[in-house]
Amino acid sequence: MATNVNINETKLWPDFVTKVFIDIMVDEVTKGNMPNGVFHNRTWSSMMYKLSTITKQLYQADQLKAKMHRLRAMYREFYSLKQNTGFGWNAETNTVTASEEVWKNYLKVWLN
């Protein structure tokens, strides 16, 4: 269930750009521009413009849509991990938390 991230993903979507994109999406959702869990074409255009203006890099709607889907998949994977395994989240430090035993059990599975 691991999410693979390749080199091109990291170059196109460094942490700063990903954070900006998430902030833009949150803003659009807050404004009510994601009815039924879907952004309309004009919203994608607006988000492309905002992201390009802030990052000085051009993005296409398909790139934004694909990134949103990858972020959703990562969120679902993390949420499931957090709900079912004893992992937690420290919002102050933005880090995963778990007991030593939980980490040992997790690493056994992934290292074998």
N, C-alpha and C. Protein backbone atom coordinates (compact mmCIF):
# COMPACT_ATOMS: atom_id res chain seq x y z
N MET A 1 0.82 -1.18 0.00
CA MET A 1 0.00 0.00 0.00
C MET A 1 0.87 1.26 0.00
N ALA A 2 2.11 1.16 -0.33
CA ALA A 2 3.01 2.31 -0.33
C ALA A 2 2.74 3.18 -1.55
N THR A 3 2.83 4.48 -1.36
CA THR A 3 2.66 5.42 -2.45
C THR A 3 4.04 5.73 -3.01
N ASN A 4 4.22 5.45 -4.29
CA ASN A 4 5.52 5.69 -4.92
C ASN A 4 5.60 7.12 -5.43
N VAL A 5 6.74 7.73 -5.21
CA VAL A 5 6.98 9.09 -5.70
C VAL A 5 8.23 9.02 -6.55
N ASN A 6 8.13 9.44 -7.81
CA ASN A 6 9.31 9.38 -8.66
C ASN A 6 10.01 10.73 -8.72
N ILE A 7 11.17 10.73 -9.36
CA ILE A 7 12.00 11.94 -9.44
C ILE A 7 11.26 13.08 -10.14
N ASN A 8 10.57 12.78 -11.23
CA ASN A 8 9.84 13.83 -11.97
C ASN A 8 8.77 14.47 -11.10
N GLU A 9 8.12 13.66 -10.28
CA GLU A 9 7.09 14.19 -9.36
C GLU A 9 7.72 15.21 -8.41
N THR A 10 8.88 14.86 -7.88
CA THR A 10 9.56 15.74 -6.92
C THR A 10 10.03 17.02 -7.58
N LYS A 11 10.49 16.93 -8.82
CA LYS A 11 10.94 18.14 -9.53
C LYS A 11 9.77 19.06 -9.87
N LEU A 12 8.68 18.48 -10.34
CA LEU A 12 7.51 19.28 -10.73
C LEU A 12 6.73 19.77 -9.52
N TRP A 13 6.74 18.98 -8.44
CA TRP A 13 5.94 19.30 -7.27
C TRP A 13 6.79 19.31 -6.01
N PRO A 14 7.72 20.24 -5.88
CA PRO A 14 8.45 20.33 -4.61
C PRO A 14 7.48 20.68 -3.48
N ASP A 15 7.91 20.48 -2.26
CA ASP A 15 7.04 20.68 -1.11
C ASP A 15 6.35 22.04 -1.11
N PHE A 16 7.11 23.09 -1.43
CA PHE A 16 6.54 24.44 -1.44
C PHE A 16 5.36 24.53 -2.42
N VAL A 17 5.53 24.00 -3.61
CA VAL A 17 4.48 24.07 -4.64
C VAL A 17 3.27 23.24 -4.21
N THR A 18 3.53 22.08 -3.66
CA THR A 18 2.43 21.24 -3.18
C THR A 18 1.64 21.96 -2.10
N LYS A 19 2.32 22.59 -1.18
CA LYS A 19 1.65 23.35 -0.10
C LYS A 19 0.81 24.49 -0.69
N VAL A 20 1.37 25.22 -1.64
CA VAL A 20 0.63 26.31 -2.27
C VAL A 20 -0.61 25.77 -2.97
N PHE A 21 -0.46 24.66 -3.68
CA PHE A 21 -1.58 24.06 -4.39
C PHE A 21 -2.68 23.63 -3.40
N ILE A 22 -2.29 23.00 -2.32
CA ILE A 22 -3.27 22.59 -1.31
C ILE A 22 -3.98 23.82 -0.73
N ASP A 23 -3.23 24.86 -0.43
CA ASP A 23 -3.84 26.09 0.10
C ASP A 23 -4.83 26.68 -0.90
N ILE A 24 -4.49 26.65 -2.17
CA ILE A 24 -5.40 27.17 -3.21
C ILE A 24 -6.67 26.33 -3.26
N MET A 25 -6.51 25.00 -3.21
CA MET A 25 -7.69 24.13 -3.24
C MET A 25 -8.58 24.36 -2.01
N VAL A 26 -7.96 24.49 -0.84
CA VAL A 26 -8.74 24.74 0.38
C VAL A 26 -9.52 26.05 0.24
N ASP A 27 -8.87 27.07 -0.31
CA ASP A 27 -9.54 28.35 -0.52
C ASP A 27 -10.75 28.19 -1.44
N GLU A 28 -10.59 27.43 -2.51
CA GLU A 28 -11.69 27.23 -3.46
C GLU A 28 -12.84 26.44 -2.81
N VAL A 29 -12.50 25.44 -2.02
CA VAL A 29 -13.53 24.67 -1.32
C VAL A 29 -14.27 25.56 -0.34
N THR A 30 -13.52 26.39 0.40
CA THR A 30 -14.12 27.31 1.37
C THR A 30 -15.08 28.28 0.69
N LYS A 31 -14.75 28.68 -0.53
CA LYS A 31 -15.62 29.58 -1.29
C LYS A 31 -16.82 28.86 -1.91
N GLY A 32 -16.88 27.54 -1.72
CA GLY A 32 -18.01 26.77 -2.26
C GLY A 32 -17.82 26.34 -3.70
N ASN A 33 -16.59 26.34 -4.17
CA ASN A 33 -16.33 26.02 -5.58
C ASN A 33 -15.99 24.56 -5.83
N MET A 34 -16.44 23.67 -4.93
CA MET A 34 -16.25 22.23 -5.15
C MET A 34 -17.53 21.49 -4.78
N PRO A 35 -18.62 21.80 -5.50
CA PRO A 35 -19.87 21.12 -5.18
C PRO A 35 -19.77 19.63 -5.52
N ASN A 36 -20.31 18.81 -4.67
CA ASN A 36 -20.32 17.36 -4.88
C ASN A 36 -18.92 16.77 -5.04
N GLY A 37 -17.92 17.44 -4.46
CA GLY A 37 -16.56 16.90 -4.50
C GLY A 37 -15.86 17.06 -5.83
N VAL A 38 -16.34 17.95 -6.68
CA VAL A 38 -15.77 18.13 -8.02
C VAL A 38 -15.55 19.62 -8.28
N PHE A 39 -14.36 19.96 -8.76
CA PHE A 39 -14.10 21.32 -9.22
C PHE A 39 -14.58 21.46 -10.66
N HIS A 40 -15.22 22.58 -10.98
CA HIS A 40 -15.62 22.86 -12.36
C HIS A 40 -14.43 23.39 -13.15
N ASN A 41 -14.56 23.38 -14.47
CA ASN A 41 -13.46 23.82 -15.35
C ASN A 41 -12.98 25.23 -15.04
N ARG A 42 -13.89 26.14 -14.76
CA ARG A 42 -13.47 27.51 -14.47
C ARG A 42 -12.66 27.58 -13.17
N THR A 43 -12.97 26.70 -12.22
CA THR A 43 -12.21 26.65 -10.97
C THR A 43 -10.82 26.12 -11.23
N TRP A 44 -10.71 25.06 -12.07
CA TRP A 44 -9.38 24.55 -12.44
C TRP A 44 -8.56 25.65 -13.11
N SER A 45 -9.20 26.42 -13.99
CA SER A 45 -8.50 27.51 -14.68
C SER A 45 -8.01 28.55 -13.67
N SER A 46 -8.86 28.88 -12.73
CA SER A 46 -8.49 29.85 -11.71
C SER A 46 -7.32 29.33 -10.87
N MET A 47 -7.38 28.05 -10.51
CA MET A 47 -6.31 27.48 -9.70
C MET A 47 -5.00 27.41 -10.49
N MET A 48 -5.08 27.10 -11.79
CA MET A 48 -3.87 27.10 -12.64
C MET A 48 -3.23 28.49 -12.63
N TYR A 49 -4.05 29.50 -12.80
CA TYR A 49 -3.56 30.87 -12.83
C TYR A 49 -2.90 31.25 -11.50
N LYS A 50 -3.60 30.97 -10.40
CA LYS A 50 -3.06 31.32 -9.08
C LYS A 50 -1.74 30.59 -8.80
N LEU A 51 -1.70 29.30 -9.10
CA LEU A 51 -0.49 28.52 -8.85
C LEU A 51 0.67 29.03 -9.71
N SER A 52 0.39 29.30 -10.96
CA SER A 52 1.44 29.81 -11.87
C SER A 52 1.94 31.18 -11.43
N THR A 53 1.03 32.02 -10.96
CA THR A 53 1.41 33.36 -10.50
C THR A 53 2.33 33.27 -9.28
N ILE A 54 2.00 32.41 -8.36
CA ILE A 54 2.79 32.30 -7.13
C ILE A 54 4.11 31.60 -7.36
N THR A 55 4.10 30.52 -8.15
CA THR A 55 5.30 29.69 -8.32
C THR A 55 6.16 30.09 -9.51
N LYS A 56 5.62 30.93 -10.39
CA LYS A 56 6.32 31.33 -11.62
C LYS A 56 6.62 30.13 -12.51
N GLN A 57 5.73 29.14 -12.46
CA GLN A 57 5.86 27.92 -13.23
C GLN A 57 4.49 27.61 -13.83
N LEU A 58 4.47 27.20 -15.11
CA LEU A 58 3.20 26.91 -15.76
C LEU A 58 2.75 25.49 -15.48
N TYR A 59 1.49 25.35 -15.13
CA TYR A 59 0.88 24.04 -14.89
C TYR A 59 -0.37 23.94 -15.74
N GLN A 60 -0.64 22.74 -16.23
CA GLN A 60 -1.86 22.47 -16.99
C GLN A 60 -2.91 21.88 -16.05
N ALA A 61 -4.16 22.00 -16.44
CA ALA A 61 -5.25 21.47 -15.61
C ALA A 61 -5.06 19.97 -15.36
N ASP A 62 -4.63 19.23 -16.37
CA ASP A 62 -4.43 17.78 -16.19
C ASP A 62 -3.39 17.49 -15.12
N GLN A 63 -2.35 18.33 -15.04
CA GLN A 63 -1.32 18.14 -14.02
C GLN A 63 -1.90 18.40 -12.63
N LEU A 64 -2.72 19.43 -12.51
CA LEU A 64 -3.34 19.73 -11.22
C LEU A 64 -4.31 18.63 -10.81
N LYS A 65 -5.10 18.16 -11.77
CA LYS A 65 -6.06 17.10 -11.47
C LYS A 65 -5.34 15.82 -11.03
N ALA A 66 -4.27 15.48 -11.73
CA ALA A 66 -3.51 14.27 -11.38
C ALA A 66 -2.89 14.42 -10.00
N LYS A 67 -2.36 15.61 -9.70
CA LYS A 67 -1.76 15.83 -8.38
C LYS A 67 -2.83 15.74 -7.29
N MET A 68 -4.00 16.30 -7.54
CA MET A 68 -5.07 16.22 -6.55
C MET A 68 -5.44 14.76 -6.29
N HIS A 69 -5.51 13.95 -7.33
CA HIS A 69 -5.85 12.54 -7.15
C HIS A 69 -4.76 11.80 -6.38
N ARG A 70 -3.49 12.12 -6.64
CA ARG A 70 -2.39 11.50 -5.88
C ARG A 70 -2.44 11.93 -4.42
N LEU A 71 -2.73 13.20 -4.17
CA LEU A 71 -2.84 13.68 -2.79
C LEU A 71 -3.99 13.00 -2.07
N ARG A 72 -5.11 12.82 -2.76
CA ARG A 72 -6.26 12.11 -2.17
C ARG A 72 -5.88 10.68 -1.81
N ALA A 73 -5.17 10.01 -2.72
CA ALA A 73 -4.76 8.62 -2.46
C ALA A 73 -3.82 8.56 -1.27
N MET A 74 -2.89 9.50 -1.20
CA MET A 74 -1.95 9.54 -0.08
C MET A 74 -2.70 9.79 1.23
N TYR A 75 -3.67 10.70 1.19
CA TYR A 75 -4.46 11.00 2.39
C TYR A 75 -5.23 9.76 2.83
N ARG A 76 -5.88 9.08 1.90
CA ARG A 76 -6.65 7.88 2.27
C ARG A 76 -5.73 6.81 2.85
N GLU A 77 -4.56 6.64 2.26
CA GLU A 77 -3.60 5.66 2.77
C GLU A 77 -3.16 6.02 4.19
N PHE A 78 -2.82 7.29 4.39
CA PHE A 78 -2.38 7.73 5.71
C PHE A 78 -3.52 7.62 6.72
N TYR A 79 -4.72 8.02 6.33
CA TYR A 79 -5.87 7.95 7.23
C TYR A 79 -6.12 6.52 7.66
N SER A 80 -6.05 5.60 6.72
CA SER A 80 -6.24 4.18 7.04
C SER A 80 -5.15 3.69 7.98
N LEU A 81 -3.92 4.06 7.70
CA LEU A 81 -2.80 3.68 8.55
C LEU A 81 -3.02 4.20 9.97
N LYS A 82 -3.41 5.44 10.06
CA LYS A 82 -3.62 6.08 11.36
C LYS A 82 -4.77 5.43 12.13
N GLN A 83 -5.83 5.07 11.43
CA GLN A 83 -7.01 4.50 12.08
C GLN A 83 -6.81 3.05 12.52
N ASN A 84 -5.95 2.32 11.83
CA ASN A 84 -5.90 0.88 12.03
C ASN A 84 -4.63 0.32 12.62
N THR A 85 -3.64 1.14 12.90
CA THR A 85 -2.35 0.56 13.27
C THR A 85 -1.71 1.12 14.52
N GLY A 86 -2.28 2.14 15.12
CA GLY A 86 -1.65 2.73 16.29
C GLY A 86 -0.77 3.92 15.96
N PHE A 87 -0.69 4.29 14.67
CA PHE A 87 0.03 5.50 14.31
C PHE A 87 -0.85 6.70 14.59
N GLY A 88 -0.23 7.82 14.88
CA GLY A 88 -0.95 9.06 15.13
C GLY A 88 -0.28 10.21 14.40
N TRP A 89 -0.73 11.41 14.69
CA TRP A 89 -0.20 12.60 14.04
C TRP A 89 -0.06 13.71 15.06
N ASN A 90 1.12 14.33 15.10
CA ASN A 90 1.36 15.47 15.96
C ASN A 90 1.27 16.72 15.08
N ALA A 91 0.18 17.47 15.24
CA ALA A 91 -0.06 18.64 14.39
C ALA A 91 0.94 19.77 14.67
N GLU A 92 1.45 19.83 15.88
CA GLU A 92 2.43 20.88 16.21
C GLU A 92 3.74 20.70 15.44
N THR A 93 4.21 19.46 15.40
CA THR A 93 5.50 19.19 14.74
C THR A 93 5.34 18.62 13.34
N ASN A 94 4.08 18.38 12.92
CA ASN A 94 3.81 17.77 11.61
C ASN A 94 4.59 16.47 11.42
N THR A 95 4.51 15.61 12.43
CA THR A 95 5.20 14.33 12.36
C THR A 95 4.28 13.19 12.76
N VAL A 96 4.62 12.02 12.27
CA VAL A 96 3.90 10.81 12.62
C VAL A 96 4.34 10.39 14.01
N THR A 97 3.40 9.91 14.80
CA THR A 97 3.72 9.42 16.15
C THR A 97 3.30 7.96 16.26
N ALA A 98 4.06 7.22 17.04
CA ALA A 98 3.74 5.83 17.32
C ALA A 98 4.66 5.33 18.42
N SER A 99 4.20 4.29 19.09
CA SER A 99 5.04 3.68 20.12
C SER A 99 6.17 2.91 19.43
N GLU A 100 7.18 2.58 20.20
CA GLU A 100 8.30 1.82 19.65
C GLU A 100 7.83 0.48 19.10
N GLU A 101 6.89 -0.16 19.80
CA GLU A 101 6.37 -1.45 19.34
C GLU A 101 5.66 -1.33 17.99
N VAL A 102 4.86 -0.28 17.83
CA VAL A 102 4.15 -0.06 16.56
C VAL A 102 5.16 0.12 15.44
N TRP A 103 6.22 0.92 15.65
CA TRP A 103 7.25 1.12 14.64
C TRP A 103 7.94 -0.20 14.29
N LYS A 104 8.28 -0.99 15.30
CA LYS A 104 8.96 -2.27 15.05
C LYS A 104 8.08 -3.18 14.19
N ASN A 105 6.81 -3.28 14.53
CA ASN A 105 5.90 -4.13 13.76
C ASN A 105 5.73 -3.63 12.33
N TYR A 106 5.63 -2.33 12.17
CA TYR A 106 5.50 -1.74 10.84
C TYR A 106 6.74 -2.02 9.99
N LEU A 107 7.91 -1.81 10.57
CA LEU A 107 9.16 -2.01 9.84
C LEU A 107 9.39 -3.49 9.50
N LYS A 108 8.95 -4.40 10.35
CA LYS A 108 9.06 -5.83 10.04
C LYS A 108 8.34 -6.15 8.74
N VAL A 109 7.15 -5.62 8.60
CA VAL A 109 6.35 -5.87 7.39
C VAL A 109 7.04 -5.30 6.16
N TRP A 110 7.54 -4.07 6.24
CA TRP A 110 8.11 -3.39 5.08
C TRP A 110 9.52 -3.82 4.75
N LEU A 111 10.23 -4.37 5.71
CA LEU A 111 11.61 -4.79 5.44
C LEU A 111 11.70 -6.25 5.00
N ASN A 112 10.61 -6.97 5.11
CA ASN A 112 10.62 -8.38 4.70
C ASN A 112 10.12 -8.58 3.31
